[in-house]
C-alpha atoms as a PDB file:
ATOM      1  CA  MET A   1     -22.671  -6.487 -10.944  1.00  0.00           C
ATOM      2  CA  THR A   2     -20.784  -9.754  -9.433  1.00  0.00           C
ATOM      3  CA  ILE A   3     -17.462 -10.650 -11.012  1.00  0.00           C
ATOM      4  CA  ASN A   4     -17.732 -13.720 -13.329  1.00  0.00           C
ATOM      5  CA  TRP A   5     -14.589 -15.878 -12.077  1.00  0.00           C
ATOM      6  CA  ILE A   6     -13.304 -18.622 -14.860  1.00  0.00           C
ATOM      7  CA  LEU A   7     -12.971 -21.378 -11.987  1.00  0.00           C
ATOM      8  CA  GLU A   8      -9.755 -23.748 -11.870  1.00  0.00           C
ATOM      9  CA  ARG A   9      -9.508 -26.799 -10.081  1.00  0.00           C
ATOM     10  CA  VAL A  10      -6.730 -28.654  -9.869  1.00  0.00           C
ATOM     11  CA  GLU A  11      -4.863 -31.468  -7.453  1.00  0.00           C
ATOM     12  CA  GLU A  12      -1.629 -30.019  -6.900  1.00  0.00           C
ATOM     13  CA  SER A  13       0.081 -27.186  -8.406  1.00  0.00           C
ATOM     14  CA  ALA A  14       3.559 -25.941  -7.214  1.00  0.00           C
ATOM     15  CA  SER A  15       2.167 -22.479  -6.551  1.00  0.00           C
ATOM     16  CA  THR A  16      -1.234 -21.262  -7.710  1.00  0.00           C
ATOM     17  CA  ASN A  17      -0.259 -17.476  -7.810  1.00  0.00           C
ATOM     18  CA  GLU A  18       3.183 -18.333 -10.409  1.00  0.00           C
ATOM     19  CA  ASP A  19       0.776 -20.550 -12.338  1.00  0.00           C
ATOM     20  CA  LEU A  20      -1.121 -17.217 -12.738  1.00  0.00           C
ATOM     21  CA  MET A  21       1.658 -14.785 -13.205  1.00  0.00           C
ATOM     22  CA  SER A  22       2.997 -17.272 -16.007  1.00  0.00           C
ATOM     23  CA  ARG A  23       0.163 -16.621 -17.352  1.00  0.00           C
ATOM     24  CA  TRP A  24       0.360 -12.780 -17.306  1.00  0.00           C
ATOM     25  CA  ARG A  25       3.951 -13.000 -18.209  1.00  0.00           C
ATOM     26  CA  ASP A  26       2.826 -14.826 -21.439  1.00  0.00           C
ATOM     27  CA  GLY A  27       0.104 -12.385 -22.065  1.00  0.00           C
ATOM     28  CA  ALA A  28      -2.423 -15.455 -21.782  1.00  0.00           C
ATOM     29  CA  LEU A  29      -4.838 -13.836 -19.011  1.00  0.00           C
ATOM     30  CA  TRP A  30      -7.947 -12.652 -20.856  1.00  0.00           C
ATOM     31  CA  GLU A  31     -10.791 -12.634 -18.050  1.00  0.00           C
ATOM     32  CA  PRO A  32     -10.777 -13.069 -14.138  1.00  0.00           C
ATOM     33  CA  VAL A  33      -9.914 -16.637 -13.399  1.00  0.00           C
ATOM     34  CA  ALA A  34      -9.773 -18.389  -9.843  1.00  0.00           C
ATOM     35  CA  ARG A  35      -7.274 -21.509  -9.238  1.00  0.00           C
ATOM     36  CA  VAL A  36      -7.393 -23.976  -6.522  1.00  0.00           C
ATOM     37  CA  ALA A  37      -5.654 -26.224  -5.966  1.00  0.00           C
ATOM     38  CA  ALA A  38      -5.883 -29.181  -2.780  1.00  0.00           C
ATOM     39  CA  LYS A  39      -1.948 -29.489  -2.564  1.00  0.00           C
ATOM     40  CA  GLN A  40       1.036 -26.533  -3.392  1.00  0.00           C
ATOM     41  CA  SER A  41       4.117 -27.865  -2.913  1.00  0.00           C
ATOM     42  CA  ALA A  42       6.123 -24.287  -2.940  1.00  0.00           C
ATOM     43  CA  GLY A  43       3.694 -21.954  -2.098  1.00  0.00           C
ATOM     44  CA  ARG A  44       5.221 -18.779  -1.264  1.00  0.00           C
ATOM     45  CA  GLY A  45       3.970 -15.817   1.190  1.00  0.00           C
ATOM     46  CA  ARG A  46       5.477 -12.276   2.247  1.00  0.00           C
ATOM     47  CA  MET A  47       8.698 -11.689   2.181  1.00  0.00           C
ATOM     48  CA  GLY A  48       9.742 -15.122   0.398  1.00  0.00           C
ATOM     49  CA  ARG A  49       8.666 -17.407   2.984  1.00  0.00           C
ATOM     50  CA  SER A  50       7.055 -20.547   2.094  1.00  0.00           C
ATOM     51  CA  TRP A  51       3.509 -21.284   2.846  1.00  0.00           C
ATOM     52  CA  VAL A  52       3.337 -24.798   4.267  1.00  0.00           C
ATOM     53  CA  SER A  53       0.443 -27.173   3.791  1.00  0.00           C
ATOM     54  CA  HIS A  54      -0.220 -30.882   2.964  1.00  0.00           C
ATOM     55  CA  ALA A  55      -3.196 -31.906   0.913  1.00  0.00           C
ATOM     56  CA  ASN A  56      -6.725 -30.841   1.995  1.00  0.00           C
ATOM     57  CA  GLN A  57      -5.293 -29.409   5.375  1.00  0.00           C
ATOM     58  CA  ALA A  58      -5.637 -25.631   3.529  1.00  0.00           C
ATOM     59  CA  LEU A  59      -7.254 -23.828   1.368  1.00  0.00           C
ATOM     60  CA  THR A  60      -4.832 -22.682  -1.314  1.00  0.00           C
ATOM     61  CA  PHE A  61      -5.959 -20.407  -4.384  1.00  0.00           C
ATOM     62  CA  SER A  62      -5.071 -17.286  -6.343  1.00  0.00           C
ATOM     63  CA  VAL A  63      -7.181 -14.604  -8.285  1.00  0.00           C
ATOM     64  CA  ALA A  64      -6.325 -13.018 -11.185  1.00  0.00           C
ATOM     65  CA  TYR A  65      -7.913  -9.472 -11.536  1.00  0.00           C
ATOM     66  CA  PRO A  66      -7.639  -6.653 -14.508  1.00  0.00           C
ATOM     67  CA  PHE A  67      -8.469  -3.399 -12.345  1.00  0.00           C
ATOM     68  CA  LYS A  68      -8.579  -0.663 -14.986  1.00  0.00           C
ATOM     69  CA  LYS A  69      -6.285   1.767 -12.637  1.00  0.00           C
ATOM     70  CA  PRO A  70      -2.742   1.768 -12.380  1.00  0.00           C
ATOM     71  CA  ILE A  71      -1.197  -0.221  -9.609  1.00  0.00           C
ATOM     72  CA  ALA A  72      -0.297   3.419  -8.177  1.00  0.00           C
ATOM     73  CA  GLU A  73      -3.648   3.852  -7.341  1.00  0.00           C
ATOM     74  CA  LEU A  74      -3.767   0.247  -5.567  1.00  0.00           C
ATOM     75  CA  SER A  75      -2.645   1.279  -1.956  1.00  0.00           C
ATOM     76  CA  GLY A  76      -4.473  -0.974   0.703  1.00  0.00           C
ATOM     77  CA  LEU A  77      -6.061  -3.154  -1.650  1.00  0.00           C
ATOM     78  CA  SER A  78      -4.193  -6.484   0.391  1.00  0.00           C
ATOM     79  CA  LEU A  79      -6.285  -4.891   3.302  1.00  0.00           C
ATOM     80  CA  ALA A  80      -9.668  -4.743   1.598  1.00  0.00           C
ATOM     81  CA  CYS A  81      -9.010  -8.016   0.084  1.00  0.00           C
ATOM     82  CA  GLY A  82      -8.887  -9.219   4.012  1.00  0.00           C
ATOM     83  CA  LEU A  83     -11.961  -7.841   4.829  1.00  0.00           C
ATOM     84  CA  GLY A  84     -13.232  -9.745   1.289  1.00  0.00           C
ATOM     85  CA  VAL A  85     -11.261 -12.767   3.220  1.00  0.00           C
ATOM     86  CA  ILE A  86     -13.659 -12.247   6.543  1.00  0.00           C
ATOM     87  CA  LYS A  87     -16.908 -11.515   4.737  1.00  0.00           C
ATOM     88  CA  GLY A  88     -16.455 -14.983   3.137  1.00  0.00           C
ATOM     89  CA  ILE A  89     -15.886 -17.024   6.359  1.00  0.00           C
ATOM     90  CA  SER A  90     -18.719 -15.812   7.458  1.00  0.00           C
ATOM     91  CA  GLU A  91     -20.675 -16.812   4.692  1.00  0.00           C
ATOM     92  CA  GLY A  92     -19.125 -19.896   4.569  1.00  0.00           C
ATOM     93  CA  THR A  93     -19.232 -21.282   7.821  1.00  0.00           C
ATOM     94  CA  GLY A  94     -22.959 -19.417   8.339  1.00  0.00           C
ATOM     95  CA  ILE A  95     -21.399 -17.413  11.231  1.00  0.00           C
ATOM     96  CA  ALA A  96     -22.652 -13.799  11.576  1.00  0.00           C
ATOM     97  CA  GLU A  97     -19.239 -11.453  11.566  1.00  0.00           C
ATOM     98  CA  GLU A  98     -19.691  -9.921  14.900  1.00  0.00           C
ATOM     99  CA  SER A  99     -19.864 -13.449  16.311  1.00  0.00           C
ATOM    100  CA  LEU A 100     -16.088 -14.555  14.082  1.00  0.00           C
ATOM    101  CA  LYS A 101     -15.241 -11.301  15.594  1.00  0.00           C
ATOM    102  CA  GLU A 102     -16.149 -12.516  19.448  1.00  0.00           C
ATOM    103  CA  LEU A 103     -14.240 -15.993  18.447  1.00  0.00           C
ATOM    104  CA  GLY A 104     -11.107 -13.241  18.062  1.00  0.00           C
ATOM    105  CA  LEU A 105     -10.863 -13.250  14.198  1.00  0.00           C
ATOM    106  CA  GLY A 106      -8.783 -10.016  13.236  1.00  0.00           C
ATOM    107  CA  LEU A 107      -6.562  -8.740  10.767  1.00  0.00           C
ATOM    108  CA  LYS A 108      -3.026  -7.990  11.192  1.00  0.00           C
ATOM    109  CA  TRP A 109      -1.407  -4.750   9.250  1.00  0.00           C
ATOM    110  CA  PRO A 110      -0.900  -5.748   5.895  1.00  0.00           C
ATOM    111  CA  ASN A 111      -2.213  -9.112   4.907  1.00  0.00           C
ATOM    112  CA  ASP A 112      -2.994 -11.623   7.721  1.00  0.00           C
ATOM    113  CA  ILE A 113      -5.917 -13.305   8.916  1.00  0.00           C
ATOM    114  CA  PHE A 114      -5.533 -14.206  12.632  1.00  0.00           C
ATOM    115  CA  LEU A 115      -7.625 -16.466  15.225  1.00  0.00           C
ATOM    116  CA  GLY A 116      -6.591 -15.127  18.498  1.00  0.00           C
ATOM    117  CA  GLU A 117      -3.225 -15.374  18.911  1.00  0.00           C
ATOM    118  CA  ALA A 118      -2.206 -17.856  15.580  1.00  0.00           C
ATOM    119  CA  LYS A 119      -2.543 -16.720  12.266  1.00  0.00           C
ATOM    120  CA  LEU A 120      -5.231 -18.213  10.283  1.00  0.00           C
ATOM    121  CA  GLY A 121      -4.508 -17.170   6.858  1.00  0.00           C
ATOM    122  CA  GLY A 122      -2.171 -15.509   4.658  1.00  0.00           C
ATOM    123  CA  MET A 123      -1.988 -13.300   1.422  1.00  0.00           C
ATOM    124  CA  LEU A 124       0.335 -12.012  -1.644  1.00  0.00           C
ATOM    125  CA  ILE A 125      -0.095 -10.243  -4.272  1.00  0.00           C
ATOM    126  CA  GLU A 126       1.663  -9.621  -7.223  1.00  0.00           C
ATOM    127  CA  GLY A 127       1.473  -8.944 -10.851  1.00  0.00           C
ATOM    128  CA  GLY A 128       1.640  -5.002 -12.578  1.00  0.00           C
ATOM    129  CA  GLN A 129       0.942  -3.356 -15.732  1.00  0.00           C
ATOM    130  CA  ILE A 130       2.822  -4.148 -19.196  1.00  0.00           C
ATOM    131  CA  ASN A 131       1.974  -1.027 -20.585  1.00  0.00           C
ATOM    132  CA  THR A 132       0.011   2.270 -20.018  1.00  0.00           C
ATOM    133  CA  THR A 133      -2.748   0.584 -22.797  1.00  0.00           C
ATOM    134  CA  GLN A 134      -3.068  -2.455 -20.761  1.00  0.00           C
ATOM    135  CA  PRO A 135      -4.902  -2.932 -17.462  1.00  0.00           C
ATOM    136  CA  THR A 136      -2.729  -3.432 -14.452  1.00  0.00           C
ATOM    137  CA  TRP A 137      -3.017  -7.222 -14.051  1.00  0.00           C
ATOM    138  CA  LEU A 138      -2.991  -8.107 -10.282  1.00  0.00           C
ATOM    139  CA  VAL A 139      -2.495 -11.889  -9.120  1.00  0.00           C
ATOM    140  CA  ILE A 140      -3.820 -12.457  -5.415  1.00  0.00           C
ATOM    141  CA  GLY A 141      -2.644 -15.913  -3.685  1.00  0.00           C
ATOM    142  CA  ILE A 142      -4.497 -16.971  -0.484  1.00  0.00           C
ATOM    143  CA  GLY A 143      -4.089 -19.465   2.297  1.00  0.00           C
ATOM    144  CA  ILE A 144      -6.393 -20.767   4.571  1.00  0.00           C
ATOM    145  CA  ASN A 145      -5.569 -23.053   7.192  1.00  0.00           C
ATOM    146  CA  LEU A 146      -8.443 -25.712   7.318  1.00  0.00           C
ATOM    147  CA  ILE A 147      -7.249 -28.118  10.119  1.00  0.00           C
ATOM    148  CA  THR A 148      -4.669 -27.825  12.983  1.00  0.00           C
ATOM    149  CA  ASP A 149      -1.318 -29.988  11.961  1.00  0.00           C
ATOM    150  CA  LEU A 150       1.034 -30.408  15.250  1.00  0.00           C
ATOM    151  CA  THR A 151       3.860 -31.285  12.696  1.00  0.00           C
ATOM    152  CA  ILE A 152       3.272 -27.786  10.569  1.00  0.00           C
ATOM    153  CA  GLU A 153       3.026 -26.273  13.425  1.00  0.00           C
ATOM    154  CA  GLN A 154       6.485 -27.474  15.486  1.00  0.00           C
ATOM    155  CA  ASN A 155       8.305 -27.263  11.664  1.00  0.00           C
ATOM    156  CA  ILE A 156       7.525 -23.001  12.119  1.00  0.00           C
ATOM    157  CA  GLY A 157       8.252 -23.089  15.242  1.00  0.00           C
ATOM    158  CA  ARG A 158       5.250 -21.152  16.118  1.00  0.00           C
ATOM    159  CA  SER A 159       1.326 -22.188  16.778  1.00  0.00           C
ATOM    160  CA  MET A 160      -1.200 -21.716  13.923  1.00  0.00           C
ATOM    161  CA  ALA A 161      -4.948 -21.007  13.713  1.00  0.00           C
ATOM    162  CA  SER A 162      -7.274 -23.242  11.359  1.00  0.00           C
ATOM    163  CA  THR A 163     -11.092 -22.851  10.187  1.00  0.00           C
ATOM    164  CA  SER A 164     -11.886 -25.797  12.500  1.00  0.00           C
ATOM    165  CA  GLN A 165     -11.947 -24.113  15.790  1.00  0.00           C
ATOM    166  CA  ILE A 166     -14.461 -21.667  14.590  1.00  0.00           C
ATOM    167  CA  THR A 167     -16.497 -24.309  13.947  1.00  0.00           C
ATOM    168  CA  ASN A 168     -15.742 -26.851  16.270  1.00  0.00           C
ATOM    169  CA  ALA A 169     -15.982 -29.063  13.508  1.00  0.00           C
ATOM    170  CA  SER A 170     -13.135 -31.639  12.266  1.00  0.00           C
ATOM    171  CA  LYS A 171     -13.060 -30.036   8.730  1.00  0.00           C
ATOM    172  CA  ILE A 172     -15.286 -27.416   6.483  1.00  0.00           C
ATOM    173  CA  ASP A 173     -16.324 -27.817   3.543  1.00  0.00           C
ATOM    174  CA  ALA A 174     -13.586 -26.231   1.370  1.00  0.00           C
ATOM    175  CA  ASP A 175     -15.654 -25.420  -1.745  1.00  0.00           C
ATOM    176  CA  VAL A 176     -17.738 -23.971   0.086  1.00  0.00           C
ATOM    177  CA  LEU A 177     -15.348 -21.861   1.518  1.00  0.00           C
ATOM    178  CA  TRP A 178     -13.344 -21.301  -1.615  1.00  0.00           C
ATOM    179  CA  LEU A 179     -16.318 -20.016  -3.760  1.00  0.00           C
ATOM    180  CA  SER A 180     -17.736 -17.886  -0.180  1.00  0.00           C
ATOM    181  CA  ILE A 181     -14.602 -15.873  -0.598  1.00  0.00           C
ATOM    182  CA  ILE A 182     -14.324 -15.382  -4.469  1.00  0.00           C
ATOM    183  CA  LYS A 183     -17.755 -14.078  -3.920  1.00  0.00           C
ATOM    184  CA  GLU A 184     -16.915 -11.600  -1.555  1.00  0.00           C
ATOM    185  CA  LEU A 185     -13.373 -10.937  -2.975  1.00  0.00           C
ATOM    186  CA  GLY A 186     -15.571 -10.184  -5.931  1.00  0.00           C
ATOM    187  CA  ASN A 187     -17.362  -7.360  -4.313  1.00  0.00           C
ATOM    188  CA  ILE A 188     -14.097  -5.775  -2.645  1.00  0.00           C
ATOM    189  CA  LEU A 189     -12.447  -5.739  -6.378  1.00  0.00           C
ATOM    190  CA  GLU A 190     -15.414  -4.147  -7.849  1.00  0.00           C
ATOM    191  CA  THR A 191     -15.941  -1.633  -5.305  1.00  0.00           C
ATOM    192  CA  PHE A 192     -12.256  -0.846  -4.848  1.00  0.00           C
ATOM    193  CA  GLU A 193     -11.974  -0.284  -8.864  1.00  0.00           C
ATOM    194  CA  LYS A 194     -14.836   2.953  -8.277  1.00  0.00           C
ATOM    195  CA  SER A 195     -13.032   4.281  -5.343  1.00  0.00           C
ATOM    196  CA  SER A 196     -10.329   3.369  -2.876  1.00  0.00           C
ATOM    197  CA  PHE A 197      -9.060   1.888  -0.004  1.00  0.00           C
ATOM    198  CA  LYS A 198     -11.096   4.636   2.150  1.00  0.00           C
ATOM    199  CA  ALA A 199     -14.306   3.342   1.548  1.00  0.00           C
ATOM    200  CA  PHE A 200     -13.068   0.307   3.366  1.00  0.00           C
ATOM    201  CA  GLN A 201     -10.851   2.567   6.208  1.00  0.00           C
ATOM    202  CA  SER A 202     -13.179   2.610   8.531  1.00  0.00           C
ATOM    203  CA  GLU A 203     -14.240  -1.150   8.392  1.00  0.00           C
ATOM    204  CA  TRP A 204     -10.386  -2.452   8.526  1.00  0.00           C
ATOM    205  CA  ASN A 205      -9.991  -0.465  11.632  1.00  0.00           C
ATOM    206  CA  GLU A 206     -12.990  -2.434  13.667  1.00  0.00           C
ATOM    207  CA  TRP A 207     -10.771  -5.937  12.618  1.00  0.00           C
ATOM    208  CA  ASP A 208      -7.021  -4.829  13.230  1.00  0.00           C
ATOM    209  CA  ILE A 209      -6.330  -7.243  16.228  1.00  0.00           C
ATOM    210  CA  PHE A 210      -3.421  -4.860  17.199  1.00  0.00           C
ATOM    211  CA  LYS A 211      -5.494  -1.274  17.575  1.00  0.00           C
ATOM    212  CA  ASN A 212      -4.387   0.750  20.429  1.00  0.00           C
ATOM    213  CA  GLN A 213      -1.612  -2.036  21.603  1.00  0.00           C
ATOM    214  CA  VAL A 214       2.189  -1.420  22.309  1.00  0.00           C
ATOM    215  CA  CYS A 215       3.758  -3.050  19.379  1.00  0.00           C
ATOM    216  CA  GLN A 216       6.864  -2.896  17.388  1.00  0.00           C
ATOM    217  CA  ILE A 217       8.091  -2.245  13.876  1.00  0.00           C
ATOM    218  CA  SER A 218      10.852  -4.400  13.016  1.00  0.00           C
ATOM    219  CA  GLN A 219      12.568  -4.266   9.264  1.00  0.00           C
ATOM    220  CA  GLN A 220      15.692  -7.388   8.951  1.00  0.00           C
ATOM    221  CA  ASP A 221      15.451  -8.162  11.883  1.00  0.00           C
ATOM    222  CA  LYS A 222      15.786  -5.183  14.137  1.00  0.00           C
ATOM    223  CA  ILE A 223      13.378  -3.034  15.768  1.00  0.00           C
ATOM    224  CA  SER A 224      13.004  -0.021  13.998  1.00  0.00           C
ATOM    225  CA  ILE A 225       9.808   1.930  14.728  1.00  0.00           C
ATOM    226  CA  GLU A 226       7.645   0.886  18.404  1.00  0.00           C
ATOM    227  CA  GLY A 227       4.607   2.675  20.079  1.00  0.00           C
ATOM    228  CA  ILE A 228       1.280   2.296  19.632  1.00  0.00           C
ATOM    229  CA  GLU A 229      -0.891   1.169  16.885  1.00  0.00           C
ATOM    230  CA  ARG A 230      -3.681   3.825  15.721  1.00  0.00           C
ATOM    231  CA  GLY A 231      -4.550   1.823  13.077  1.00  0.00           C
ATOM    232  CA  VAL A 232      -4.737   2.408   9.338  1.00  0.00           C
ATOM    233  CA  ASP A 233      -5.047   5.840   7.502  1.00  0.00           C
ATOM    234  CA  ASP A 234      -7.231   6.490   3.840  1.00  0.00           C
ATOM    235  CA  ALA A 235      -4.255   4.869   1.991  1.00  0.00           C
ATOM    236  CA  GLY A 236      -3.526   1.905   4.231  1.00  0.00           C
ATOM    237  CA  HIS A 237      -0.465   3.172   5.620  1.00  0.00           C
ATOM    238  CA  LEU A 238       0.206   1.914   9.565  1.00  0.00           C
ATOM    239  CA  LEU A 239      -0.233   3.927  11.802  1.00  0.00           C
ATOM    240  CA  ILE A 240       2.392   4.301  14.873  1.00  0.00           C
ATOM    241  CA  GLU A 241       2.369   6.775  17.836  1.00  0.00           C
ATOM    242  CA  THR A 242       5.739   7.487  18.725  1.00  0.00           C
ATOM    243  CA  ALA A 243       7.241   9.783  21.876  1.00  0.00           C
ATOM    244  CA  ASN A 244       8.246  11.773  18.381  1.00  0.00           C
ATOM    245  CA  GLY A 245       4.471  11.898  17.130  1.00  0.00           C
ATOM    246  CA  VAL A 246       2.541   9.119  14.711  1.00  0.00           C
ATOM    247  CA  GLU A 247       4.574   7.823  12.168  1.00  0.00           C
ATOM    248  CA  ARG A 248       3.408   5.968   8.945  1.00  0.00           C
ATOM    249  CA  VAL A 249       4.596   2.622   8.150  1.00  0.00           C
ATOM    250  CA  ILE A 250       4.193   2.500   4.575  1.00  0.00           C
ATOM    251  CA  SER A 251       6.556  -0.543   3.228  1.00  0.00           C
ATOM    252  CA  GLY A 252       5.095  -3.558   3.074  1.00  0.00           C
ATOM    253  CA  ASP A 253       8.453  -5.245   4.418  1.00  0.00           C
ATOM    254  CA  VAL A 254       7.842  -5.507   7.941  1.00  0.00           C
ATOM    255  CA  SER A 255       7.026  -7.530  10.838  1.00  0.00           C
ATOM    256  CA  LEU A 256       4.661  -6.411  13.288  1.00  0.00           C
ATOM    257  CA  ARG A 257       4.432  -7.805  16.679  1.00  0.00           C
ATOM    258  CA  LYS A 258       3.075  -7.289  20.104  1.00  0.00           C
ATOM    259  CA  SER A 259       5.364  -5.175  22.261  1.00  0.00           C
ATOM    260  CA  SER A 260       6.702  -7.664  25.304  1.00  0.00           C
END
């Protein structure tokens, strides 16, 4: 059964995630909602980072969905949603998933979409359960670069990827991409509701761009673990093979980098 999203479109929002989170806190969310903004002036990413984007240069949107499960049973959801984004990009561009993989599209634990060595998009999940009699409302915010902006690259100090590099076109139809992604996200969320991340583990590991490479896990700018990245377990925890054995990384407040 496909989710019937309530679709909302605005020209500008400080943060589509905060728009929906505010409704959740006020008890004003009733049905699954997908809200897209042409421009976000105060978008947020993981660890309090800002999501820098100019009008129509990035696809920025959020969806709110009520899970029947408690939040403790939703481990690995952000990873599964990453697969939904990839499937949506495939449908929205008309490029087969295997061809996208050959172009360098992939996933970085726990919630980033990469194209080659550069970040194409990211995700932020917020929300919770007010009490045990109510559903677990989660707000999933997603940002995807549509075109590359040298000014933004200079401001953030790193290269960025965009969908224009995938399609060899100056601009992709953002509406088509948005609708394709929320359709695929709906399929992912419904499957997750019935099962768990275990249903997505194998496929996620196939898209893992760091798998079998020497990586470092850093927290608060300090390296805490270094070893060979071995994908994720059935709960979505990152597996790092170290000299002392395989360690599981659970916390989302980490930075994963290839070791030089």
